[in-house]
Amino acid sequence: MFGLIATMNMKNVIFKTGRVTTKQSRSMEADTVSKNAACLRSLKSRDIIIKHLIIATFVIFAAFTSCNNEIEENNRIAVTSVSLPSEITLLVGSTEILSPTIMPAEATDNSVMWKSDATGIAEVDETGRVTAKAKGTTKITVITNDGGKTAQCTVTVTEAPSYDPNFFNPQKGDVYVAGTEGGLFEISTAKVWKNGVAQNLTDGIRNGYAHSVFVSGNDVYVLGGRTNTQDDYVNTLWKNGVAQEIVDATEVSSVYVSGSDVYLVGYEKNAHDIYVAKVWKNGVVQNLTDGTRSAMAYSVYVSGSDVYVAGREYNAREVYIAKVWKNGIAQELTDGTLRAAALSVFVSGSDAYVAGYDRDGDGAVAMLWKNGTAQNLTNGTNSAQASAVYVSGNDVYVTGYERNTNSSSVAKIWKNGVVQNLTDGTKYAYPHSIFVSGNDVYVSGDEYNAQGNRIAKVWKNGVAQNLSPEGTRYTNANSIFVVE
């Protein structure tokens, strides 16, 4: 039998010619089928192995991923709470950043979202910056992405006080005021106002206080204090809004800058619960008293190389004596018969002026001392206090208060001993600081309003201007500084 037989494997087709018997033909065909079957079985086995390897890989990867996720989940620290200041007050057009406090502090995911109940009154962006849009009240809510914990802050937006356009006049000079907003069972915020516009020095979550302000060149120094996360009180100096802790102090009172040197005064309670009067120069402390009797320092003034500090110290009878220290050497201003205090010092040329009070029976007399010689500013009929002194040329200005027949305190200025009332006596008023710039006399202080809130004020040449709009919260204007 002649014919053409095609023998195939998986890769080639082979053509052979010749005489082939039927038996040979069948044998060759069977052999070919057998080889093809074996090849197919081999391919199937390989595919099964590959398939199983792929499945095993996925199983191992899934198990590894699950294990990692379980480890991460076990190490994850969940958010338990979030808090905000309970309330803030903003002027239309102003902004303030809300800083949420997330607990615990080491929470794995501390990201948050923000929303405003009324964006027409106040908007909030993804960073927590609140922008006051229109007069009114709304709530800002923060929501944690972990656990959906929430906190709210009530935002009150007020219109800017209608200032006399000539009251704060940057062309003539910038007016800085240090003070505090809040109190009476609410969080206090340390503030500094520049030409009537407030800057918060603390976040409103924990208490802050501002006592004294001094401006040197482009630098603004504010002295005060704040509570930290452990609710401990920390005496603080802010320079251009940046906080620096003051150590070795129970209370700091006044700041003065001379050239590159920064002076602070205050006092610290020692191990025997006795207050020690102190002065700091560039952070280095000097004790003014030896700690055997309580003493406090309230005001500092630097003239050339001389450092003057006003304050008070107990005598042996535990009666406070008004004192002034010059380069650490004390001079007594009162005899220690009745309680007294020196609250402010100012140096002009070779003359040192000190303002304060001396007790007279059940009341107190507003006092001015010049080089240790006393001058009574009031007659003792009504209790009074001289809080601050400033000298401009030949004129000596003192501000303070005197009680009237209704026991209300009347804010006053004495110019060369001649008195001028700043308030009418219908409400309590307390001036704290005085500054003279050219022909303008500025006084900072506070006066109660009809609702019983203390309202921060600046008096310029006897005319008052509120620093706190509408008087919705307690505010104090404790210190004033004017830059010409």
Protein backbone atom coordinates (compact mmCIF):
# COMPACT_ATOMS: atom_id res chain seq x y z
CA MET A 1 0.00 0.00 0.00
CA PHE A 2 1.39 3.19 -1.08
CA GLY A 3 0.24 6.34 0.54
CA LEU A 4 1.05 9.53 2.38
CA ILE A 5 1.02 9.44 6.17
CA ALA A 6 1.19 12.60 8.27
CA THR A 7 2.67 12.12 11.72
CA MET A 8 2.14 15.11 14.04
CA ASN A 9 3.48 16.15 17.37
CA MET A 10 2.80 19.38 19.17
CA LYS A 11 5.49 21.30 17.37
CA ASN A 12 6.03 19.79 13.89
CA VAL A 13 4.18 18.10 11.01
CA ILE A 14 6.33 15.40 9.36
CA PHE A 15 5.50 13.97 5.94
CA LYS A 16 6.80 10.51 5.03
CA THR A 17 6.40 8.58 1.77
CA GLY A 18 6.72 4.85 1.17
CA ARG A 19 4.98 1.55 1.45
CA VAL A 20 3.19 1.03 4.79
CA THR A 21 1.34 -1.98 6.01
CA THR A 22 -1.98 -1.81 7.75
CA LYS A 23 -0.48 -3.11 10.98
CA GLN A 24 2.32 -0.59 10.85
CA SER A 25 -0.18 2.15 10.13
CA ARG A 26 -2.27 1.29 13.14
CA SER A 27 0.80 0.97 15.35
CA MET A 28 2.06 4.38 14.29
CA GLU A 29 -1.35 5.95 14.84
CA ALA A 30 -1.61 4.43 18.31
CA ASP A 31 1.85 5.63 19.17
CA THR A 32 0.99 9.11 17.99
CA VAL A 33 -2.23 9.18 20.01
CA SER A 34 -0.38 7.92 23.07
CA LYS A 35 2.28 10.60 22.80
CA ASN A 36 -0.30 13.31 22.26
CA ALA A 37 -2.27 12.12 25.28
CA ALA A 38 0.85 12.13 27.46
CA CYS A 39 1.65 15.65 26.32
CA LEU A 40 -1.84 16.82 27.13
CA ARG A 41 -1.68 15.20 30.56
CA SER A 42 1.62 16.95 31.20
CA LEU A 43 0.16 20.31 30.20
CA LYS A 44 -2.89 19.78 32.39
CA SER A 45 -0.66 18.87 35.38
CA ARG A 46 1.42 21.99 34.82
CA ASP A 47 -1.69 24.17 34.64
CA ILE A 48 -3.04 22.61 37.83
CA ILE A 49 0.25 23.22 39.64
CA ILE A 50 0.39 26.84 38.44
CA LYS A 51 -3.23 27.32 39.45
CA HIS A 52 -2.56 25.93 42.91
CA LEU A 53 0.55 28.09 43.27
CA ILE A 54 -1.46 31.19 42.38
CA ILE A 55 -4.19 30.25 44.85
CA ALA A 56 -1.61 29.56 47.55
CA THR A 57 0.06 32.92 46.88
CA PHE A 58 -3.25 34.74 47.24
CA VAL A 59 -4.05 32.83 50.43
CA ILE A 60 -0.64 33.66 51.94
CA PHE A 61 -0.94 37.33 50.92
CA ALA A 62 -4.45 37.58 52.33
CA ALA A 63 -3.34 35.96 55.57
CA PHE A 64 -0.33 38.32 55.80
CA THR A 65 -2.48 41.37 55.10
CA SER A 66 -5.07 40.26 57.63
CA CYS A 67 -2.34 39.73 60.20
CA ASN A 68 -0.89 43.19 59.54
CA ASN A 69 -4.32 44.78 59.79
CA GLU A 70 -4.94 42.94 63.03
CA ILE A 71 -1.62 44.13 64.43
CA GLU A 72 -2.35 47.73 63.34
CA GLU A 73 -5.84 47.53 64.81
CA ASN A 74 -4.45 46.22 68.09
CA ASN A 75 -1.92 49.10 68.21
CA ARG A 76 -4.43 51.76 67.20
CA ILE A 77 -5.34 54.42 69.79
CA ALA A 78 -8.90 55.60 69.40
CA VAL A 79 -10.18 59.14 69.93
CA THR A 80 -12.25 59.39 73.11
CA SER A 81 -13.23 63.06 73.09
CA VAL A 82 -12.75 66.46 71.48
CA SER A 83 -13.25 69.93 72.94
CA LEU A 84 -13.34 73.56 71.82
CA PRO A 85 -13.57 76.91 73.57
CA SER A 86 -17.16 77.28 74.72
CA GLU A 87 -17.53 80.67 73.05
CA ILE A 88 -15.69 83.41 71.20
CA THR A 89 -16.65 86.92 70.14
CA LEU A 90 -15.49 88.37 66.81
CA LEU A 91 -15.92 91.65 65.04
CA VAL A 92 -17.40 91.59 61.54
CA GLY A 93 -14.56 90.89 59.09
CA SER A 94 -12.17 89.47 61.68
CA THR A 95 -10.91 85.89 61.89
CA GLU A 96 -9.80 83.48 64.58
CA ILE A 97 -8.48 79.92 64.44
CA LEU A 98 -10.21 77.38 66.66
CA SER A 99 -7.84 74.72 67.98
CA PRO A 100 -9.58 71.47 68.97
CA THR A 101 -8.19 69.49 71.88
CA ILE A 102 -8.34 65.79 71.02
CA MET A 103 -8.03 63.19 73.74
CA PRO A 104 -5.97 61.21 74.15
CA ALA A 105 -3.25 63.39 72.70
CA GLU A 106 -1.56 60.33 71.17
CA ALA A 107 -4.66 59.21 69.25
CA THR A 108 -3.78 57.49 65.96
CA ASP A 109 -6.13 59.58 63.81
CA ASN A 110 -6.62 63.16 64.99
CA SER A 111 -8.06 64.52 61.74
CA VAL A 112 -11.30 66.49 61.95
CA MET A 113 -14.05 68.09 59.89
CA TRP A 114 -15.70 71.46 60.50
CA LYS A 115 -19.12 72.95 59.91
CA SER A 116 -21.00 76.15 60.71
CA ASP A 117 -24.69 76.26 61.54
CA ALA A 118 -25.00 79.64 59.81
CA THR A 119 -22.36 80.46 57.23
CA GLY A 120 -23.96 83.85 56.69
CA ILE A 121 -22.86 84.80 60.21
CA ALA A 122 -19.56 82.93 60.46
CA GLU A 123 -17.76 80.59 58.09
CA VAL A 124 -15.18 77.96 59.02
CA ASP A 125 -12.62 76.35 56.73
CA GLU A 126 -10.86 72.99 56.91
CA THR A 127 -8.16 74.40 59.23
CA GLY A 128 -10.65 75.69 61.81
CA ARG A 129 -10.26 79.34 60.83
CA VAL A 130 -13.51 81.17 61.59
CA THR A 131 -14.36 84.25 59.55
CA ALA A 132 -17.00 86.63 60.93
CA LYS A 133 -19.41 87.63 58.16
CA ALA A 134 -22.35 89.42 59.78
CA LYS A 135 -23.73 90.36 63.18
CA GLY A 136 -25.38 87.45 64.97
CA THR A 137 -24.72 84.19 66.81
CA THR A 138 -24.01 80.72 65.43
CA LYS A 139 -22.33 77.49 66.42
CA ILE A 140 -19.18 76.00 64.93
CA THR A 141 -18.94 72.22 65.21
CA VAL A 142 -15.84 70.05 64.97
CA ILE A 143 -16.22 66.34 64.18
CA THR A 144 -13.44 63.79 64.54
CA ASN A 145 -13.01 61.38 61.64
CA ASP A 146 -12.25 58.68 64.18
CA GLY A 147 -15.38 57.89 66.14
CA GLY A 148 -17.38 60.95 65.08
CA LYS A 149 -16.79 62.77 68.40
CA THR A 150 -18.09 66.36 68.36
CA ALA A 151 -17.67 69.66 70.16
CA GLN A 152 -19.22 73.07 69.60
CA CYS A 153 -18.19 76.67 70.03
CA THR A 154 -20.71 79.48 70.15
CA VAL A 155 -19.55 82.35 67.93
CA THR A 156 -20.96 85.79 68.57
CA VAL A 157 -20.29 88.26 65.78
CA THR A 158 -20.60 91.93 66.61
CA GLU A 159 -20.22 95.06 64.60
CA ALA A 160 -17.08 97.06 65.16
CA PRO A 161 -17.41 99.85 67.70
CA SER A 162 -18.05 103.17 66.04
CA TYR A 163 -14.73 104.84 66.78
CA ASP A 164 -14.14 108.50 66.49
CA PRO A 165 -11.94 108.49 63.35
CA ASN A 166 -9.41 110.59 65.20
CA PHE A 167 -9.41 108.49 68.37
CA PHE A 168 -6.96 105.87 67.15
CA ASN A 169 -4.91 107.64 64.52
CA PRO A 170 -2.02 105.55 63.20
CA GLN A 171 -0.68 108.61 61.37
CA LYS A 172 -0.05 110.18 64.78
CA GLY A 173 0.95 106.96 66.53
CA ASP A 174 -0.06 103.40 67.33
CA VAL A 175 -1.85 102.69 70.59
CA TYR A 176 -1.24 99.29 72.23
CA VAL A 177 -3.29 98.00 75.14
CA ALA A 178 -2.78 94.75 77.07
CA GLY A 179 -5.68 93.18 78.89
CA THR A 180 -7.92 90.23 79.50
CA GLU A 181 -11.33 89.18 78.23
CA GLY A 182 -13.50 86.79 80.22
CA GLY A 183 -13.85 85.89 83.87
CA LEU A 184 -16.50 85.13 86.46
CA PHE A 185 -16.83 81.40 85.76
CA GLU A 186 -15.72 81.59 82.12
CA ILE A 187 -12.38 81.13 80.37
CA SER A 188 -10.20 84.26 80.29
CA THR A 189 -8.25 85.20 77.16
CA ALA A 190 -5.06 87.28 77.13
CA LYS A 191 -5.28 90.04 74.52
CA VAL A 192 -3.38 92.93 73.04
CA TRP A 193 -5.21 95.64 71.13
CA LYS A 194 -3.48 97.74 68.48
CA ASN A 195 -5.48 100.84 67.60
CA GLY A 196 -8.61 99.15 68.93
CA VAL A 197 -8.19 95.86 67.02
CA ALA A 198 -7.70 92.84 69.28
CA GLN A 199 -5.21 90.01 68.91
CA ASN A 200 -5.67 86.95 71.10
CA LEU A 201 -2.51 85.76 72.83
CA THR A 202 -4.13 82.61 74.23
CA ASP A 203 -6.48 80.12 72.57
CA GLY A 204 -9.55 80.54 74.78
CA ILE A 205 -9.44 76.86 75.79
CA ARG A 206 -7.42 77.60 78.93
CA ASN A 207 -7.16 80.78 80.98
CA GLY A 208 -4.84 83.57 79.91
CA TYR A 209 -4.08 87.01 81.36
CA ALA A 210 -2.16 90.06 80.09
CA HIS A 211 -0.84 92.59 82.62
CA SER A 212 1.71 94.83 80.92
CA VAL A 213 2.75 95.93 77.41
CA PHE A 214 5.93 97.57 76.10
CA VAL A 215 6.90 98.34 72.51
CA SER A 216 10.50 98.61 71.37
CA GLY A 217 11.12 99.21 67.67
CA ASN A 218 9.06 96.65 65.77
CA ASP A 219 8.74 94.33 68.77
CA VAL A 220 5.69 94.15 71.01
CA TYR A 221 6.20 92.63 74.47
CA VAL A 222 3.26 91.55 76.62
CA LEU A 223 3.67 90.15 80.11
CA GLY A 224 1.08 87.95 81.77
CA GLY A 225 0.28 84.30 82.34
CA ARG A 226 -1.72 81.28 81.21
CA THR A 227 -2.70 77.82 82.38
CA ASN A 228 -1.12 74.82 80.69
CA THR A 229 -2.58 71.40 79.85
CA GLN A 230 -2.07 70.32 83.48
CA ASP A 231 -3.98 73.42 84.64
CA ASP A 232 -0.81 74.84 86.20
CA TYR A 233 -0.37 78.60 86.01
CA VAL A 234 2.59 79.59 83.83
CA ASN A 235 3.93 83.14 83.90
CA THR A 236 4.50 84.17 80.30
CA LEU A 237 6.19 86.83 78.19
CA TRP A 238 4.87 87.14 74.64
CA LYS A 239 7.14 88.75 72.08
CA ASN A 240 5.22 89.46 68.89
CA GLY A 241 2.69 86.87 69.97
CA VAL A 242 5.22 84.09 70.67
CA ALA A 243 5.07 82.81 74.25
CA GLN A 244 8.07 82.33 76.52
CA GLU A 245 7.74 80.82 80.00
CA ILE A 246 9.05 82.79 82.99
CA VAL A 247 10.54 80.53 85.64
CA ASP A 248 10.99 81.21 89.37
CA ALA A 249 7.85 83.33 89.58
CA THR A 250 4.47 83.18 91.28
CA GLU A 251 3.26 86.36 89.58
CA VAL A 252 4.84 88.79 87.13
CA SER A 253 3.63 92.37 86.94
CA SER A 254 5.53 94.68 84.60
CA VAL A 255 7.87 94.65 81.58
CA TYR A 256 10.36 97.28 80.41
CA VAL A 257 12.76 97.08 77.45
CA SER A 258 15.97 99.10 77.28
CA GLY A 259 18.04 98.54 74.16
CA SER A 260 18.44 94.78 73.85
CA ASP A 261 17.71 94.14 77.53
CA VAL A 262 14.31 92.96 78.74
CA TYR A 263 13.41 93.60 82.39
CA LEU A 264 10.53 91.99 84.27
CA VAL A 265 9.37 92.31 87.86
CA GLY A 266 7.14 90.24 90.08
CA TYR A 267 7.38 87.94 93.06
CA GLU A 268 7.65 84.28 94.02
CA LYS A 269 6.50 82.35 97.07
CA ASN A 270 9.41 80.57 98.76
CA ALA A 271 9.47 77.31 100.72
CA HIS A 272 8.21 79.15 103.81
CA ASP A 273 5.15 80.59 101.98
CA ILE A 274 6.73 84.05 101.98
CA TYR A 275 6.68 86.19 98.84
CA VAL A 276 10.06 87.35 97.54
CA ALA A 277 10.19 90.46 95.32
CA LYS A 278 12.22 89.82 92.16
CA VAL A 279 13.54 91.44 89.00
CA TRP A 280 14.56 89.53 85.86
CA LYS A 281 17.02 90.82 83.28
CA ASN A 282 17.03 88.76 80.10
CA GLY A 283 15.69 85.81 82.08
CA VAL A 284 18.27 86.02 84.88
CA VAL A 285 16.59 86.58 88.23
CA GLN A 286 17.70 88.84 91.07
CA ASN A 287 16.00 88.79 94.46
CA LEU A 288 15.14 92.21 95.84
CA THR A 289 14.23 90.87 99.29
CA ASP A 290 15.71 88.10 101.45
CA GLY A 291 12.53 86.10 101.93
CA THR A 292 12.16 86.66 105.66
CA ARG A 293 9.15 88.95 105.13
CA SER A 294 6.64 88.98 102.28
CA ALA A 295 7.32 91.46 99.49
CA MET A 296 5.92 92.18 96.04
CA ALA A 297 7.22 94.12 93.03
CA TYR A 298 4.67 95.82 90.73
CA SER A 299 6.45 98.21 88.34
CA VAL A 300 9.86 98.64 86.69
CA TYR A 301 11.55 101.57 84.94
CA VAL A 302 15.06 101.70 83.46
CA SER A 303 16.95 104.97 83.11
CA GLY A 304 20.42 104.60 81.65
CA SER A 305 22.11 101.93 83.75
CA ASP A 306 19.75 102.39 86.71
CA VAL A 307 16.88 99.99 87.35
CA TYR A 308 13.99 101.23 89.51
CA VAL A 309 11.34 98.92 90.95
CA ALA A 310 8.22 99.90 92.89
CA GLY A 311 6.50 97.57 95.35
CA ARG A 312 5.93 96.83 99.01
CA GLU A 313 7.33 94.72 101.85
CA TYR A 314 6.14 93.67 105.29
CA ASN A 315 7.79 95.18 108.32
CA ALA A 316 8.28 93.36 111.62
CA ARG A 317 4.65 94.10 112.53
CA GLU A 318 3.48 92.57 109.23
CA VAL A 319 2.33 95.92 107.91
CA TYR A 320 3.14 96.57 104.25
CA ILE A 321 5.57 99.44 103.61
CA ALA A 322 5.65 101.19 100.22
CA LYS A 323 9.15 100.84 98.76
CA VAL A 324 11.20 101.70 95.70
CA TRP A 325 14.38 99.80 94.85
CA LYS A 326 17.16 101.42 92.83
CA ASN A 327 19.66 98.87 91.55
CA GLY A 328 18.51 96.51 94.28
CA ILE A 329 18.81 99.03 97.15
CA ALA A 330 15.50 99.69 98.92
CA GLN A 331 14.12 103.04 99.97
CA GLU A 332 11.11 103.11 102.32
CA LEU A 333 8.39 105.57 101.30
CA THR A 334 6.10 105.08 104.32
CA ASP A 335 6.75 104.58 108.02
CA GLY A 336 4.92 101.30 108.42
CA THR A 337 2.22 102.63 110.71
CA LEU A 338 -0.53 101.70 108.25
CA ARG A 339 -0.58 99.51 105.16
CA ALA A 340 0.77 101.10 101.97
CA ALA A 341 2.00 100.17 98.49
CA ALA A 342 4.03 101.66 95.66
CA LEU A 343 2.31 100.61 92.40
CA SER A 344 4.07 102.54 89.62
CA VAL A 345 7.46 104.20 89.03
CA PHE A 346 8.59 106.68 86.37
CA VAL A 347 11.97 108.39 86.08
CA SER A 348 12.54 111.77 84.44
CA GLY A 349 16.08 113.05 84.47
CA SER A 350 17.34 112.60 88.03
CA ASP A 351 13.85 112.51 89.54
CA ALA A 352 12.06 109.30 90.47
CA TYR A 353 8.26 109.51 90.74
CA VAL A 354 6.21 106.79 92.45
CA ALA A 355 2.43 106.43 92.61
CA GLY A 356 0.50 104.33 95.12
CA TYR A 357 -1.50 104.64 98.30
CA ASP A 358 -1.13 104.98 102.05
CA ARG A 359 -3.83 103.87 104.43
CA ASP A 360 -5.54 106.51 106.56
CA GLY A 361 -7.78 104.94 109.16
CA ASP A 362 -10.41 102.84 107.41
CA GLY A 363 -9.66 104.31 103.98
CA ALA A 364 -6.67 105.01 101.78
CA VAL A 365 -5.07 108.15 100.37
CA ALA A 366 -3.88 108.36 96.75
CA MET A 367 -0.17 109.21 96.94
CA LEU A 368 2.62 110.55 94.75
CA TRP A 369 6.24 110.44 95.89
CA LYS A 370 8.99 112.45 94.20
CA ASN A 371 12.45 111.31 95.25
CA GLY A 372 10.88 109.93 98.42
CA THR A 373 8.92 113.06 99.35
CA ALA A 374 5.20 112.39 99.67
CA GLN A 375 2.35 114.38 98.16
CA ASN A 376 -1.25 113.55 99.05
CA LEU A 377 -3.50 113.58 95.98
CA THR A 378 -6.67 113.06 98.06
CA ASN A 379 -7.58 114.16 101.58
CA GLY A 380 -8.64 110.82 102.99
CA THR A 381 -12.34 111.61 103.21
CA ASN A 382 -13.01 108.88 100.68
CA SER A 383 -10.78 105.89 100.00
CA ALA A 384 -8.55 106.38 96.94
CA GLN A 385 -5.60 104.91 95.06
CA ALA A 386 -3.03 106.25 92.60
CA SER A 387 -2.42 103.44 90.10
CA ALA A 388 0.10 104.85 87.59
CA VAL A 389 2.33 107.86 86.94
CA TYR A 390 3.79 109.41 83.76
CA VAL A 391 5.97 112.48 83.35
CA SER A 392 6.06 114.58 80.17
CA GLY A 393 8.30 117.63 80.25
CA ASN A 394 7.44 119.55 83.40
CA ASP A 395 4.03 117.94 83.79
CA VAL A 396 3.34 115.03 86.11
CA TYR A 397 0.29 112.90 85.33
CA VAL A 398 -1.21 110.38 87.72
CA THR A 399 -4.26 108.19 87.18
CA GLY A 400 -6.25 106.31 89.79
CA TYR A 401 -9.65 106.30 91.45
CA GLU A 402 -11.48 107.67 94.46
CA ARG A 403 -14.66 106.40 96.08
CA ASN A 404 -17.62 108.78 96.13
CA THR A 405 -20.34 109.08 98.76
CA ASN A 406 -22.12 106.09 97.20
CA SER A 407 -18.91 104.05 97.53
CA SER A 408 -18.67 103.88 93.73
CA SER A 409 -15.15 104.30 92.36
CA VAL A 410 -14.60 107.33 90.11
CA ALA A 411 -11.76 107.17 87.56
CA LYS A 412 -9.51 110.24 87.77
CA ILE A 413 -6.44 111.98 86.38
CA TRP A 414 -4.29 114.34 88.39
CA LYS A 415 -2.14 116.72 86.35
CA ASN A 416 0.35 118.45 88.60
CA GLY A 417 -2.00 117.68 91.48
CA VAL A 418 -5.15 119.11 89.82
CA VAL A 419 -7.86 116.48 89.48
CA GLN A 420 -10.06 115.67 86.47
CA ASN A 421 -12.82 113.05 86.63
CA LEU A 422 -12.94 110.52 83.80
CA THR A 423 -16.26 108.96 84.90
CA ASP A 424 -19.39 110.32 86.57
CA GLY A 425 -19.45 107.92 89.48
CA THR A 426 -22.69 106.17 88.57
CA LYS A 427 -20.75 102.96 87.83
CA TYR A 428 -17.55 101.52 89.24
CA ALA A 429 -14.47 102.44 87.19
CA TYR A 430 -10.82 101.48 87.60
CA PRO A 431 -8.00 103.09 85.58
CA HIS A 432 -4.76 101.09 85.52
CA SER A 433 -2.23 102.76 83.24
CA ILE A 434 -1.39 106.17 81.74
CA PHE A 435 0.70 107.31 78.75
CA VAL A 436 1.31 110.79 77.35
CA SER A 437 2.12 111.27 73.66
CA GLY A 438 2.55 114.86 72.52
CA ASN A 439 -0.57 116.71 73.65
CA ASP A 440 -2.62 113.53 74.06
CA VAL A 441 -3.14 111.85 77.42
CA TYR A 442 -4.19 108.20 77.24
CA VAL A 443 -5.54 106.14 80.13
CA SER A 444 -6.48 102.46 80.00
CA GLY A 445 -8.85 100.82 82.46
CA ASP A 446 -12.33 99.43 82.79
CA GLU A 447 -15.80 100.52 83.85
CA TYR A 448 -18.84 98.46 84.76
CA ASN A 449 -21.86 98.67 82.47
CA ALA A 450 -25.56 98.37 83.29
CA GLN A 451 -25.39 94.56 83.02
CA GLY A 452 -22.63 94.38 85.62
CA ASN A 453 -19.82 93.55 83.17
CA ARG A 454 -16.45 95.28 83.33
CA ILE A 455 -15.78 96.93 79.97
CA ALA A 456 -12.24 97.63 78.75
CA LYS A 457 -11.81 101.30 77.88
CA VAL A 458 -9.31 103.83 76.70
CA TRP A 459 -9.74 107.46 77.63
CA LYS A 460 -8.03 109.96 75.35
CA ASN A 461 -8.00 113.50 76.71
CA GLY A 462 -10.94 112.55 78.89
CA VAL A 463 -13.07 110.98 76.11
CA ALA A 464 -13.81 107.26 76.52
CA GLN A 465 -13.70 104.57 73.86
CA ASN A 466 -14.80 100.98 74.51
CA LEU A 467 -12.41 98.23 73.47
CA SER A 468 -14.96 95.46 74.02
CA PRO A 469 -17.97 95.86 71.71
CA GLU A 470 -21.41 95.90 73.31
CA GLY A 471 -19.98 94.85 76.66
CA THR A 472 -21.07 91.24 76.41
CA ARG A 473 -18.12 89.90 78.44
CA TYR A 474 -15.81 91.00 81.23
CA THR A 475 -12.77 92.81 79.82
CA ASN A 476 -9.87 94.64 81.45
CA ALA A 477 -7.43 97.11 79.88
CA ASN A 478 -4.46 96.81 82.22
CA SER A 479 -1.63 98.60 80.44
CA ILE A 480 -1.19 101.10 77.61
CA PHE A 481 1.76 102.09 75.41
CA VAL A 482 1.78 104.62 72.56
CA VAL A 483 4.33 104.66 69.73
CA GLU A 484 4.67 108.00 67.97
